[in-house]
Amino acid sequence: MSTQLTPLSADIRGEAFPVLTAEQINRIRPLSRVRKVKVGEIVFEPGDLDISFFVLLSGSMEIVQPGIQGERLIVNHDAGEFTGEITMISGRRGVVRGRVTAAGEFLEMSSAQLRTLVARDADLSEIFMRAFILRRVTLINRGQGNVILMGSRHSAKTLRLREFLTRNGHPFTYVDLDTDNSSQQMLDHFQVTIEEIPVVVCNNRTVLRSPSIQELARCLGLNAHITASEVRDLVIVGAGPAGLAAAVYGASEGLDVLVIEDRISRRAGWLEFQDRKLSGLSHGNFRTGTGGTRRGAGAKVRRQSADRQ
């Protein structure tokens, strides 16, 4: 059973969930395939990696957030709308479920194909990135994520975990055991004692008792695409103005560059530059992880989180 939260304002709804024109959809077709879907079909789940990007040609689908008390409805998508949020670019695991509510046809493309599209098409890049960022902000503001953190405001470890999730822009639900009357029911549900707080529930499946930041990051798959054995041409620690400038310059000269930062935002994060053409860099689209101005071997941007304290 799904429960509906307070609707978004008309202005935010239009920016976060825009309807593409026929001409814009036609520009997506060359990099996608048509997929026929049936009612009840689930196209992605929380915790999935490399989630496909969908544009609805016909039919409809709902985006919901599963929880121990059922599903919370986030939004319904109709023809002309598209799925996805910032995980499409960052490479992180998904945090929501997508389920078809009316049979139809969707355009489907991989996350790699989506990154290729936004590098080529500045107009679609601006639409997608603005929507993805607003959707993630909405999830954070509503506490709609695949993480439940149960702890005490007086616990230093609880505060560290809250800070880690917040600074990495990961939506989560916080249960204050000092004040929430339903907290004992949740603890009983997962057979957890008070002595084991803080407790983190990942993807409504895995229960972590008093986890470290490293354990939480692994559970969420925040660094799933970082391969320890992969050799880089250049590794930059720190994603401030100097670090980002060095990364862009190195990528424009054809280097494989990895920028390491302990938090993620529109400006920075784990930025993984790989071989690809840089095109159309501006202050705005660089902050959201797309684009470039110089033609070197290029850069593909992927943002992930450090799992250190």
C-alpha atoms as a PDB file:
ATOM      1  CA  MET A   1       0.000   0.000   0.000  1.00  0.00           C
ATOM      2  CA  SER A   2       1.337   3.444  -0.939  1.00  0.00           C
ATOM      3  CA  THR A   3       0.930   6.641   1.027  1.00  0.00           C
ATOM      4  CA  GLN A   4       1.048  10.059  -0.684  1.00  0.00           C
ATOM      5  CA  LEU A   5       3.128  12.868   0.750  1.00  0.00           C
ATOM      6  CA  THR A   6       2.423  16.574   0.406  1.00  0.00           C
ATOM      7  CA  PRO A   7       2.405  17.444  -3.317  1.00  0.00           C
ATOM      8  CA  LEU A   8       5.182  19.547  -4.793  1.00  0.00           C
ATOM      9  CA  SER A   9       4.403  23.126  -5.734  1.00  0.00           C
ATOM     10  CA  ALA A  10       3.591  23.740  -9.392  1.00  0.00           C
ATOM     11  CA  ASP A  11       6.888  25.553  -9.987  1.00  0.00           C
ATOM     12  CA  ILE A  12       9.034  22.799  -8.480  1.00  0.00           C
ATOM     13  CA  ARG A  13       6.971  20.080 -10.141  1.00  0.00           C
ATOM     14  CA  GLY A  14       7.515  21.647 -13.564  1.00  0.00           C
ATOM     15  CA  GLU A  15      11.283  21.878 -13.065  1.00  0.00           C
ATOM     16  CA  ALA A  16      11.785  18.515 -11.354  1.00  0.00           C
ATOM     17  CA  PHE A  17       9.411  16.530 -13.561  1.00  0.00           C
ATOM     18  CA  PRO A  18       9.283  18.279 -16.949  1.00  0.00           C
ATOM     19  CA  VAL A  19       7.506  16.887 -19.999  1.00  0.00           C
ATOM     20  CA  LEU A  20       9.780  16.506 -23.016  1.00  0.00           C
ATOM     21  CA  THR A  21       8.690  17.705 -26.429  1.00  0.00           C
ATOM     22  CA  ALA A  22       8.435  15.352 -29.418  1.00  0.00           C
ATOM     23  CA  GLU A  23      11.545  16.967 -30.905  1.00  0.00           C
ATOM     24  CA  GLN A  24      13.535  16.416 -27.710  1.00  0.00           C
ATOM     25  CA  ILE A  25      12.418  12.777 -27.536  1.00  0.00           C
ATOM     26  CA  ASN A  26      13.518  12.252 -31.141  1.00  0.00           C
ATOM     27  CA  ARG A  27      17.026  13.388 -30.166  1.00  0.00           C
ATOM     28  CA  ILE A  28      17.094  10.643 -27.536  1.00  0.00           C
ATOM     29  CA  ARG A  29      16.007   7.818 -29.843  1.00  0.00           C
ATOM     30  CA  PRO A  30      19.368   7.125 -31.575  1.00  0.00           C
ATOM     31  CA  LEU A  31      20.999   6.136 -28.255  1.00  0.00           C
ATOM     32  CA  SER A  32      18.042   4.200 -26.847  1.00  0.00           C
ATOM     33  CA  ARG A  33      15.820   1.214 -27.576  1.00  0.00           C
ATOM     34  CA  VAL A  34      12.041   0.819 -27.361  1.00  0.00           C
ATOM     35  CA  ARG A  35      10.930  -1.431 -24.512  1.00  0.00           C
ATOM     36  CA  LYS A  36       7.375  -2.694 -24.162  1.00  0.00           C
ATOM     37  CA  VAL A  37       6.252  -2.828 -20.537  1.00  0.00           C
ATOM     38  CA  LYS A  38       3.348  -4.469 -18.719  1.00  0.00           C
ATOM     39  CA  VAL A  39       1.289  -3.432 -15.716  1.00  0.00           C
ATOM     40  CA  GLY A  40       3.032  -4.368 -12.487  1.00  0.00           C
ATOM     41  CA  GLU A  41       6.477  -4.726 -14.061  1.00  0.00           C
ATOM     42  CA  ILE A  42       9.244  -3.395 -11.821  1.00  0.00           C
ATOM     43  CA  VAL A  43      12.007  -1.751 -13.847  1.00  0.00           C
ATOM     44  CA  PHE A  44      14.352  -0.845 -10.981  1.00  0.00           C
ATOM     45  CA  GLU A  45      14.679  -1.410  -7.236  1.00  0.00           C
ATOM     46  CA  PRO A  46      16.463   0.317  -4.333  1.00  0.00           C
ATOM     47  CA  GLY A  47      20.051  -0.879  -4.226  1.00  0.00           C
ATOM     48  CA  ASP A  48      20.293  -1.539  -7.981  1.00  0.00           C
ATOM     49  CA  LEU A  49      23.449  -0.475  -9.803  1.00  0.00           C
ATOM     50  CA  ASP A  50      23.627   0.823 -13.380  1.00  0.00           C
ATOM     51  CA  ILE A  51      19.917   1.638 -13.439  1.00  0.00           C
ATOM     52  CA  SER A  52      18.463   2.263 -16.878  1.00  0.00           C
ATOM     53  CA  PHE A  53      17.102   5.669 -17.850  1.00  0.00           C
ATOM     54  CA  PHE A  54      13.553   5.654 -19.228  1.00  0.00           C
ATOM     55  CA  VAL A  55      11.525   8.106 -21.283  1.00  0.00           C
ATOM     56  CA  LEU A  56       7.823   7.250 -21.408  1.00  0.00           C
ATOM     57  CA  LEU A  57       6.355   7.184 -24.922  1.00  0.00           C
ATOM     58  CA  SER A  58       3.064   5.748 -23.669  1.00  0.00           C
ATOM     59  CA  GLY A  59       1.747   4.154 -20.502  1.00  0.00           C
ATOM     60  CA  SER A  60       2.628   5.295 -16.988  1.00  0.00           C
ATOM     61  CA  MET A  61       4.642   4.290 -13.962  1.00  0.00           C
ATOM     62  CA  GLU A  62       4.943   5.150 -10.289  1.00  0.00           C
ATOM     63  CA  ILE A  63       8.068   5.866  -8.289  1.00  0.00           C
ATOM     64  CA  VAL A  64       7.777   4.651  -4.693  1.00  0.00           C
ATOM     65  CA  GLN A  65      10.004   4.381  -1.643  1.00  0.00           C
ATOM     66  CA  PRO A  66       9.648   0.997   0.114  1.00  0.00           C
ATOM     67  CA  GLY A  67       9.681   0.982   3.901  1.00  0.00           C
ATOM     68  CA  ILE A  68       8.892  -1.351   6.754  1.00  0.00           C
ATOM     69  CA  GLN A  69       5.413   0.159   6.974  1.00  0.00           C
ATOM     70  CA  GLY A  70       4.709  -0.112   3.246  1.00  0.00           C
ATOM     71  CA  GLU A  71       5.474   2.073   0.242  1.00  0.00           C
ATOM     72  CA  ARG A  72       5.483   5.861   0.052  1.00  0.00           C
ATOM     73  CA  LEU A  73       4.487   7.290  -3.306  1.00  0.00           C
ATOM     74  CA  ILE A  74       6.964   9.841  -4.624  1.00  0.00           C
ATOM     75  CA  VAL A  75       5.583  10.637  -8.072  1.00  0.00           C
ATOM     76  CA  ASN A  76       3.647   9.248 -11.015  1.00  0.00           C
ATOM     77  CA  HIS A  77       5.221   9.478 -14.474  1.00  0.00           C
ATOM     78  CA  ASP A  78       3.136   9.797 -17.660  1.00  0.00           C
ATOM     79  CA  ALA A  79       3.949   9.988 -21.374  1.00  0.00           C
ATOM     80  CA  GLY A  80       6.700  12.484 -22.173  1.00  0.00           C
ATOM     81  CA  GLU A  81       8.294  12.319 -18.716  1.00  0.00           C
ATOM     82  CA  PHE A  82      11.545  10.600 -17.755  1.00  0.00           C
ATOM     83  CA  THR A  83      12.926   8.694 -14.806  1.00  0.00           C
ATOM     84  CA  GLY A  84      16.106   9.121 -12.793  1.00  0.00           C
ATOM     85  CA  GLU A  85      17.819  11.359 -10.284  1.00  0.00           C
ATOM     86  CA  ILE A  86      21.420  12.205  -9.438  1.00  0.00           C
ATOM     87  CA  THR A  87      22.418   8.522  -9.115  1.00  0.00           C
ATOM     88  CA  MET A  88      22.176   8.318 -12.917  1.00  0.00           C
ATOM     89  CA  ILE A  89      25.300  10.472 -13.115  1.00  0.00           C
ATOM     90  CA  SER A  90      27.050   9.600  -9.847  1.00  0.00           C
ATOM     91  CA  GLY A  91      26.973   5.839 -10.384  1.00  0.00           C
ATOM     92  CA  ARG A  92      25.614   5.210  -6.899  1.00  0.00           C
ATOM     93  CA  ARG A  93      22.988   2.603  -6.094  1.00  0.00           C
ATOM     94  CA  GLY A  94      19.354   3.560  -6.613  1.00  0.00           C
ATOM     95  CA  VAL A  95      17.129   4.522  -3.694  1.00  0.00           C
ATOM     96  CA  VAL A  96      13.625   4.089  -5.167  1.00  0.00           C
ATOM     97  CA  ARG A  97      11.427   1.516  -6.924  1.00  0.00           C
ATOM     98  CA  GLY A  98       9.942   2.060 -10.385  1.00  0.00           C
ATOM     99  CA  ARG A  99       6.758   0.115 -11.207  1.00  0.00           C
ATOM    100  CA  VAL A 100       4.637   0.226 -14.367  1.00  0.00           C
ATOM    101  CA  THR A 101       1.005   1.212 -13.715  1.00  0.00           C
ATOM    102  CA  ALA A 102      -0.231   1.301 -17.328  1.00  0.00           C
ATOM    103  CA  ALA A 103       1.142  -0.781 -20.191  1.00  0.00           C
ATOM    104  CA  GLY A 104       2.950   1.044 -22.962  1.00  0.00           C
ATOM    105  CA  GLU A 105       6.315   1.693 -24.566  1.00  0.00           C
ATOM    106  CA  PHE A 106       9.368   3.262 -22.942  1.00  0.00           C
ATOM    107  CA  LEU A 107      12.630   4.430 -24.436  1.00  0.00           C
ATOM    108  CA  GLU A 108      15.412   2.745 -22.456  1.00  0.00           C
ATOM    109  CA  MET A 109      19.082   3.679 -22.307  1.00  0.00           C
ATOM    110  CA  SER A 110      21.957   2.707 -20.042  1.00  0.00           C
ATOM    111  CA  SER A 111      23.625   5.179 -17.694  1.00  0.00           C
ATOM    112  CA  ALA A 112      26.673   5.171 -19.996  1.00  0.00           C
ATOM    113  CA  GLN A 113      24.481   6.075 -22.968  1.00  0.00           C
ATOM    114  CA  LEU A 114      22.858   8.825 -20.922  1.00  0.00           C
ATOM    115  CA  ARG A 115      26.254  10.316 -20.098  1.00  0.00           C
ATOM    116  CA  THR A 116      27.121  10.229 -23.801  1.00  0.00           C
ATOM    117  CA  LEU A 117      23.861  12.022 -24.624  1.00  0.00           C
ATOM    118  CA  VAL A 118      24.323  14.820 -22.075  1.00  0.00           C
ATOM    119  CA  ALA A 119      27.877  15.389 -23.348  1.00  0.00           C
ATOM    120  CA  ARG A 120      26.542  15.882 -26.885  1.00  0.00           C
ATOM    121  CA  ASP A 121      23.304  17.747 -26.255  1.00  0.00           C
ATOM    122  CA  ALA A 122      23.584  20.876 -24.075  1.00  0.00           C
ATOM    123  CA  ASP A 123      19.818  21.486 -24.046  1.00  0.00           C
ATOM    124  CA  LEU A 124      18.926  18.004 -22.781  1.00  0.00           C
ATOM    125  CA  SER A 125      21.890  18.084 -20.407  1.00  0.00           C
ATOM    126  CA  GLU A 126      20.503  21.204 -18.730  1.00  0.00           C
ATOM    127  CA  ILE A 127      16.994  19.709 -18.467  1.00  0.00           C
ATOM    128  CA  PHE A 128      18.163  16.381 -17.060  1.00  0.00           C
ATOM    129  CA  MET A 129      20.690  17.731 -14.582  1.00  0.00           C
ATOM    130  CA  ARG A 130      18.306  20.367 -13.217  1.00  0.00           C
ATOM    131  CA  ALA A 131      15.615  17.700 -12.779  1.00  0.00           C
ATOM    132  CA  PHE A 132      18.009  15.184 -11.210  1.00  0.00           C
ATOM    133  CA  ILE A 133      19.304  17.694  -8.674  1.00  0.00           C
ATOM    134  CA  LEU A 134      15.826  18.915  -7.706  1.00  0.00           C
ATOM    135  CA  ARG A 135      14.598  15.340  -7.323  1.00  0.00           C
ATOM    136  CA  ARG A 136      17.496  14.478  -5.016  1.00  0.00           C
ATOM    137  CA  VAL A 137      16.886  17.658  -2.963  1.00  0.00           C
ATOM    138  CA  THR A 138      13.217  16.691  -2.674  1.00  0.00           C
ATOM    139  CA  LEU A 139      14.129  13.206  -1.434  1.00  0.00           C
ATOM    140  CA  ILE A 140      16.498  14.702   1.151  1.00  0.00           C
ATOM    141  CA  ASN A 141      13.983  17.289   2.351  1.00  0.00           C
ATOM    142  CA  ARG A 142      11.287  14.632   2.706  1.00  0.00           C
ATOM    143  CA  GLY A 143      13.603  12.068   4.289  1.00  0.00           C
ATOM    144  CA  GLN A 144      12.819   9.628   1.500  1.00  0.00           C
ATOM    145  CA  GLY A 145      15.843   7.397   1.144  1.00  0.00           C
ATOM    146  CA  ASN A 146      16.862   3.762   1.378  1.00  0.00           C
ATOM    147  CA  VAL A 147      18.351   4.310   4.840  1.00  0.00           C
ATOM    148  CA  ILE A 148      16.722   4.427   8.267  1.00  0.00           C
ATOM    149  CA  LEU A 149      18.998   5.708  11.036  1.00  0.00           C
ATOM    150  CA  MET A 150      17.814   5.032  14.570  1.00  0.00           C
ATOM    151  CA  GLY A 151      19.812   6.758  17.267  1.00  0.00           C
ATOM    152  CA  SER A 152      20.003   9.298  20.034  1.00  0.00           C
ATOM    153  CA  ARG A 153      20.731  13.011  19.780  1.00  0.00           C
ATOM    154  CA  HIS A 154      23.088  12.511  22.725  1.00  0.00           C
ATOM    155  CA  SER A 155      25.148   9.851  20.913  1.00  0.00           C
ATOM    156  CA  ALA A 156      28.375  11.049  19.268  1.00  0.00           C
ATOM    157  CA  LYS A 157      28.357   8.064  16.905  1.00  0.00           C
ATOM    158  CA  THR A 158      24.795   8.850  15.828  1.00  0.00           C
ATOM    159  CA  LEU A 159      25.811  12.430  15.083  1.00  0.00           C
ATOM    160  CA  ARG A 160      28.794  11.253  13.006  1.00  0.00           C
ATOM    161  CA  LEU A 161      26.584   8.981  10.896  1.00  0.00           C
ATOM    162  CA  ARG A 162      24.010  11.748  10.385  1.00  0.00           C
ATOM    163  CA  GLU A 163      26.747  14.145   9.335  1.00  0.00           C
ATOM    164  CA  PHE A 164      28.212  11.589   6.915  1.00  0.00           C
ATOM    165  CA  LEU A 165      24.869  10.964   5.201  1.00  0.00           C
ATOM    166  CA  THR A 166      24.006  14.664   5.110  1.00  0.00           C
ATOM    167  CA  ARG A 167      27.279  15.923   3.696  1.00  0.00           C
ATOM    168  CA  ASN A 168      27.187  13.215   1.013  1.00  0.00           C
ATOM    169  CA  GLY A 169      23.681  14.220  -0.022  1.00  0.00           C
ATOM    170  CA  HIS A 170      22.193  10.797   0.727  1.00  0.00           C
ATOM    171  CA  PRO A 171      18.491  10.924   1.696  1.00  0.00           C
ATOM    172  CA  PHE A 172      17.651   9.087   4.903  1.00  0.00           C
ATOM    173  CA  THR A 173      14.988   8.784   7.564  1.00  0.00           C
ATOM    174  CA  TYR A 174      16.117   9.617  11.102  1.00  0.00           C
ATOM    175  CA  VAL A 175      14.329   8.087  14.090  1.00  0.00           C
ATOM    176  CA  ASP A 176      15.127   9.823  17.381  1.00  0.00           C
ATOM    177  CA  LEU A 177      14.953   7.107  20.025  1.00  0.00           C
ATOM    178  CA  ASP A 178      14.679   9.760  22.721  1.00  0.00           C
ATOM    179  CA  THR A 179      11.356  11.118  21.492  1.00  0.00           C
ATOM    180  CA  ASP A 180       9.777   8.832  18.881  1.00  0.00           C
ATOM    181  CA  ASN A 181       6.982   6.714  20.348  1.00  0.00           C
ATOM    182  CA  SER A 182       7.169   4.155  17.542  1.00  0.00           C
ATOM    183  CA  SER A 183      10.897   3.549  17.910  1.00  0.00           C
ATOM    184  CA  GLN A 184      10.485   0.516  20.156  1.00  0.00           C
ATOM    185  CA  GLN A 185       8.229  -1.107  17.561  1.00  0.00           C
ATOM    186  CA  MET A 186      10.884  -0.591  14.898  1.00  0.00           C
ATOM    187  CA  LEU A 187      13.597  -2.005  17.174  1.00  0.00           C
ATOM    188  CA  ASP A 188      11.443  -5.043  17.961  1.00  0.00           C
ATOM    189  CA  HIS A 189      10.775  -5.540  14.254  1.00  0.00           C
ATOM    190  CA  PHE A 190      14.506  -5.961  13.607  1.00  0.00           C
ATOM    191  CA  GLN A 191      15.242  -7.660  16.971  1.00  0.00           C
ATOM    192  CA  VAL A 192      17.649  -4.931  18.047  1.00  0.00           C
ATOM    193  CA  THR A 193      18.342  -3.899  21.633  1.00  0.00           C
ATOM    194  CA  ILE A 194      18.818  -0.328  22.848  1.00  0.00           C
ATOM    195  CA  GLU A 195      22.440  -1.116  23.701  1.00  0.00           C
ATOM    196  CA  GLU A 196      23.179  -1.630  20.007  1.00  0.00           C
ATOM    197  CA  ILE A 197      22.295   1.886  18.882  1.00  0.00           C
ATOM    198  CA  PRO A 198      22.804   3.612  16.608  1.00  0.00           C
ATOM    199  CA  VAL A 199      21.132   1.174  14.243  1.00  0.00           C
ATOM    200  CA  VAL A 200      21.051   1.600  10.483  1.00  0.00           C
ATOM    201  CA  VAL A 201      18.653  -0.232   8.159  1.00  0.00           C
ATOM    202  CA  CYS A 202      19.868  -0.292   4.534  1.00  0.00           C
ATOM    203  CA  ASN A 203      17.492  -0.974   1.659  1.00  0.00           C
ATOM    204  CA  ASN A 204      14.905  -2.260   4.155  1.00  0.00           C
ATOM    205  CA  ARG A 205      16.920  -5.499   4.369  1.00  0.00           C
ATOM    206  CA  THR A 206      20.321  -5.157   6.033  1.00  0.00           C
ATOM    207  CA  VAL A 207      20.528  -4.141   9.690  1.00  0.00           C
ATOM    208  CA  LEU A 208      23.788  -2.635  10.935  1.00  0.00           C
ATOM    209  CA  ARG A 209      24.274  -2.389  14.678  1.00  0.00           C
ATOM    210  CA  SER A 210      26.491   0.520  15.743  1.00  0.00           C
ATOM    211  CA  PRO A 211      28.245   0.596  12.344  1.00  0.00           C
ATOM    212  CA  SER A 212      31.364   2.510  11.433  1.00  0.00           C
ATOM    213  CA  ILE A 213      31.264   5.014   8.585  1.00  0.00           C
ATOM    214  CA  GLN A 214      33.182   2.535   6.438  1.00  0.00           C
ATOM    215  CA  GLU A 215      30.587  -0.179   7.079  1.00  0.00           C
ATOM    216  CA  LEU A 216      27.739   2.186   6.253  1.00  0.00           C
ATOM    217  CA  ALA A 217      29.401   3.308   3.013  1.00  0.00           C
ATOM    218  CA  ARG A 218      29.929  -0.318   1.948  1.00  0.00           C
ATOM    219  CA  CYS A 219      26.321  -1.221   2.755  1.00  0.00           C
ATOM    220  CA  LEU A 220      25.068   1.642   0.594  1.00  0.00           C
ATOM    221  CA  GLY A 221      27.521   0.847  -2.203  1.00  0.00           C
ATOM    222  CA  LEU A 222      28.783   4.417  -2.274  1.00  0.00           C
ATOM    223  CA  ASN A 223      32.119   3.342  -3.730  1.00  0.00           C
ATOM    224  CA  ALA A 224      30.859   0.476  -5.867  1.00  0.00           C
ATOM    225  CA  HIS A 225      32.501   1.804  -9.036  1.00  0.00           C
ATOM    226  CA  ILE A 226      35.895   2.533  -7.504  1.00  0.00           C
ATOM    227  CA  THR A 227      38.283  -0.277  -8.487  1.00  0.00           C
ATOM    228  CA  ALA A 228      41.308  -0.463  -6.198  1.00  0.00           C
ATOM    229  CA  SER A 229      43.443  -2.185  -8.851  1.00  0.00           C
ATOM    230  CA  GLU A 230      42.727   0.378 -11.575  1.00  0.00           C
ATOM    231  CA  VAL A 231      45.766   2.463 -12.512  1.00  0.00           C
ATOM    232  CA  ARG A 232      45.290   6.241 -12.868  1.00  0.00           C
ATOM    233  CA  ASP A 233      47.461   8.782 -14.591  1.00  0.00           C
ATOM    234  CA  LEU A 234      46.774  11.377 -11.906  1.00  0.00           C
ATOM    235  CA  VAL A 235      45.102  11.273  -8.461  1.00  0.00           C
ATOM    236  CA  ILE A 236      44.168  14.588  -6.823  1.00  0.00           C
ATOM    237  CA  VAL A 237      43.231  14.704  -3.131  1.00  0.00           C
ATOM    238  CA  GLY A 238      40.906  17.626  -2.436  1.00  0.00           C
ATOM    239  CA  ALA A 239      38.147  18.977  -4.665  1.00  0.00           C
ATOM    240  CA  GLY A 240      38.479  22.668  -3.915  1.00  0.00           C
ATOM    241  CA  PRO A 241      38.944  25.232  -6.697  1.00  0.00           C
ATOM    242  CA  ALA A 242      42.592  24.285  -7.227  1.00  0.00           C
ATOM    243  CA  GLY A 243      41.890  20.546  -7.242  1.00  0.00           C
ATOM    244  CA  LEU A 244      39.018  20.845  -9.699  1.00  0.00           C
ATOM    245  CA  ALA A 245      41.022  23.160 -11.969  1.00  0.00           C
ATOM    246  CA  ALA A 246      43.905  20.675 -12.008  1.00  0.00           C
ATOM    247  CA  ALA A 247      41.495  17.831 -12.774  1.00  0.00           C
ATOM    248  CA  VAL A 248      39.924  19.626 -15.723  1.00  0.00           C
ATOM    249  CA  TYR A 249      43.332  20.604 -17.094  1.00  0.00           C
ATOM    250  CA  GLY A 250      44.652  17.061 -16.724  1.00  0.00           C
ATOM    251  CA  ALA A 251      41.583  15.522 -18.346  1.00  0.00           C
ATOM    252  CA  SER A 252      41.748  18.006 -21.211  1.00  0.00           C
ATOM    253  CA  GLU A 253      45.283  16.767 -21.902  1.00  0.00           C
ATOM    254  CA  GLY A 254      44.083  13.178 -22.124  1.00  0.00           C
ATOM    255  CA  LEU A 255      44.949  11.971 -18.611  1.00  0.00           C
ATOM    256  CA  ASP A 256      42.817   9.536 -16.615  1.00  0.00           C
ATOM    257  CA  VAL A 257      42.201  11.611 -13.475  1.00  0.00           C
ATOM    258  CA  LEU A 258      40.584  10.724 -10.158  1.00  0.00           C
ATOM    259  CA  VAL A 259      39.682  13.493  -7.693  1.00  0.00           C
ATOM    260  CA  ILE A 260      39.128  12.360  -4.104  1.00  0.00           C
ATOM    261  CA  GLU A 261      36.964  14.393  -1.735  1.00  0.00           C
ATOM    262  CA  ASP A 262      35.273  13.428   1.529  1.00  0.00           C
ATOM    263  CA  ARG A 263      31.915  14.893   0.626  1.00  0.00           C
ATOM    264  CA  ILE A 264      29.735  15.245  -2.428  1.00  0.00           C
ATOM    265  CA  SER A 265      27.910  18.309  -3.667  1.00  0.00           C
ATOM    266  CA  ARG A 266      27.091  20.010  -6.946  1.00  0.00           C
ATOM    267  CA  ARG A 267      30.665  21.255  -6.957  1.00  0.00           C
ATOM    268  CA  ALA A 268      32.625  18.130  -6.111  1.00  0.00           C
ATOM    269  CA  GLY A 269      32.735  14.575  -4.833  1.00  0.00           C
ATOM    270  CA  TRP A 270      34.530  11.652  -6.330  1.00  0.00           C
ATOM    271  CA  LEU A 271      35.022  12.939  -9.891  1.00  0.00           C
ATOM    272  CA  GLU A 272      36.322  10.251 -12.169  1.00  0.00           C
ATOM    273  CA  PHE A 273      37.655  11.609 -15.445  1.00  0.00           C
ATOM    274  CA  GLN A 274      38.003   9.088 -18.255  1.00  0.00           C
ATOM    275  CA  ASP A 275      38.598   9.226 -22.014  1.00  0.00           C
ATOM    276  CA  ARG A 276      35.939  11.322 -23.697  1.00  0.00           C
ATOM    277  CA  LYS A 277      35.620  14.666 -25.452  1.00  0.00           C
ATOM    278  CA  LEU A 278      35.028  17.730 -23.296  1.00  0.00           C
ATOM    279  CA  SER A 279      32.388  20.025 -24.697  1.00  0.00           C
ATOM    280  CA  GLY A 280      30.488  23.072 -23.505  1.00  0.00           C
ATOM    281  CA  LEU A 281      31.866  23.590 -20.009  1.00  0.00           C
ATOM    282  CA  SER A 282      30.310  26.428 -18.049  1.00  0.00           C
ATOM    283  CA  HIS A 283      30.350  27.280 -14.352  1.00  0.00           C
ATOM    284  CA  GLY A 284      26.848  25.860 -13.977  1.00  0.00           C
ATOM    285  CA  ASN A 285      27.205  22.555 -15.783  1.00  0.00           C
ATOM    286  CA  PHE A 286      30.656  21.892 -14.331  1.00  0.00           C
ATOM    287  CA  ARG A 287      29.190  22.159 -10.838  1.00  0.00           C
ATOM    288  CA  THR A 288      26.629  19.498 -11.744  1.00  0.00           C
ATOM    289  CA  GLY A 289      29.210  17.222 -13.294  1.00  0.00           C
ATOM    290  CA  THR A 290      28.717  17.647 -17.041  1.00  0.00           C
ATOM    291  CA  GLY A 291      30.424  19.313 -19.904  1.00  0.00           C
ATOM    292  CA  GLY A 292      33.867  20.643 -20.734  1.00  0.00           C
ATOM    293  CA  THR A 293      35.472  23.212 -23.038  1.00  0.00           C
ATOM    294  CA  ARG A 294      38.780  21.854 -24.176  1.00  0.00           C
ATOM    295  CA  ARG A 295      39.142  18.988 -26.570  1.00  0.00           C
ATOM    296  CA  GLY A 296      41.541  16.472 -25.132  1.00  0.00           C
ATOM    297  CA  ALA A 297      40.942  12.764 -24.835  1.00  0.00           C
ATOM    298  CA  GLY A 298      38.212  14.091 -22.597  1.00  0.00           C
ATOM    299  CA  ALA A 299      36.404  13.347 -19.378  1.00  0.00           C
ATOM    300  CA  LYS A 300      33.537  11.300 -18.099  1.00  0.00           C
ATOM    301  CA  VAL A 301      32.305  12.482 -14.725  1.00  0.00           C
ATOM    302  CA  ARG A 302      31.243  10.064 -12.045  1.00  0.00           C
ATOM    303  CA  ARG A 303      30.686  11.214  -8.462  1.00  0.00           C
ATOM    304  CA  GLN A 304      30.993   9.038  -5.428  1.00  0.00           C
ATOM    305  CA  SER A 305      31.564   9.362  -1.715  1.00  0.00           C
ATOM    306  CA  ALA A 306      34.546   8.746   0.464  1.00  0.00           C
ATOM    307  CA  ASP A 307      33.960   6.221   3.232  1.00  0.00           C
ATOM    308  CA  ARG A 308      36.374   7.686   5.730  1.00  0.00           C
ATOM    309  CA  GLN A 309      35.637   9.375   9.029  1.00  0.00           C
END
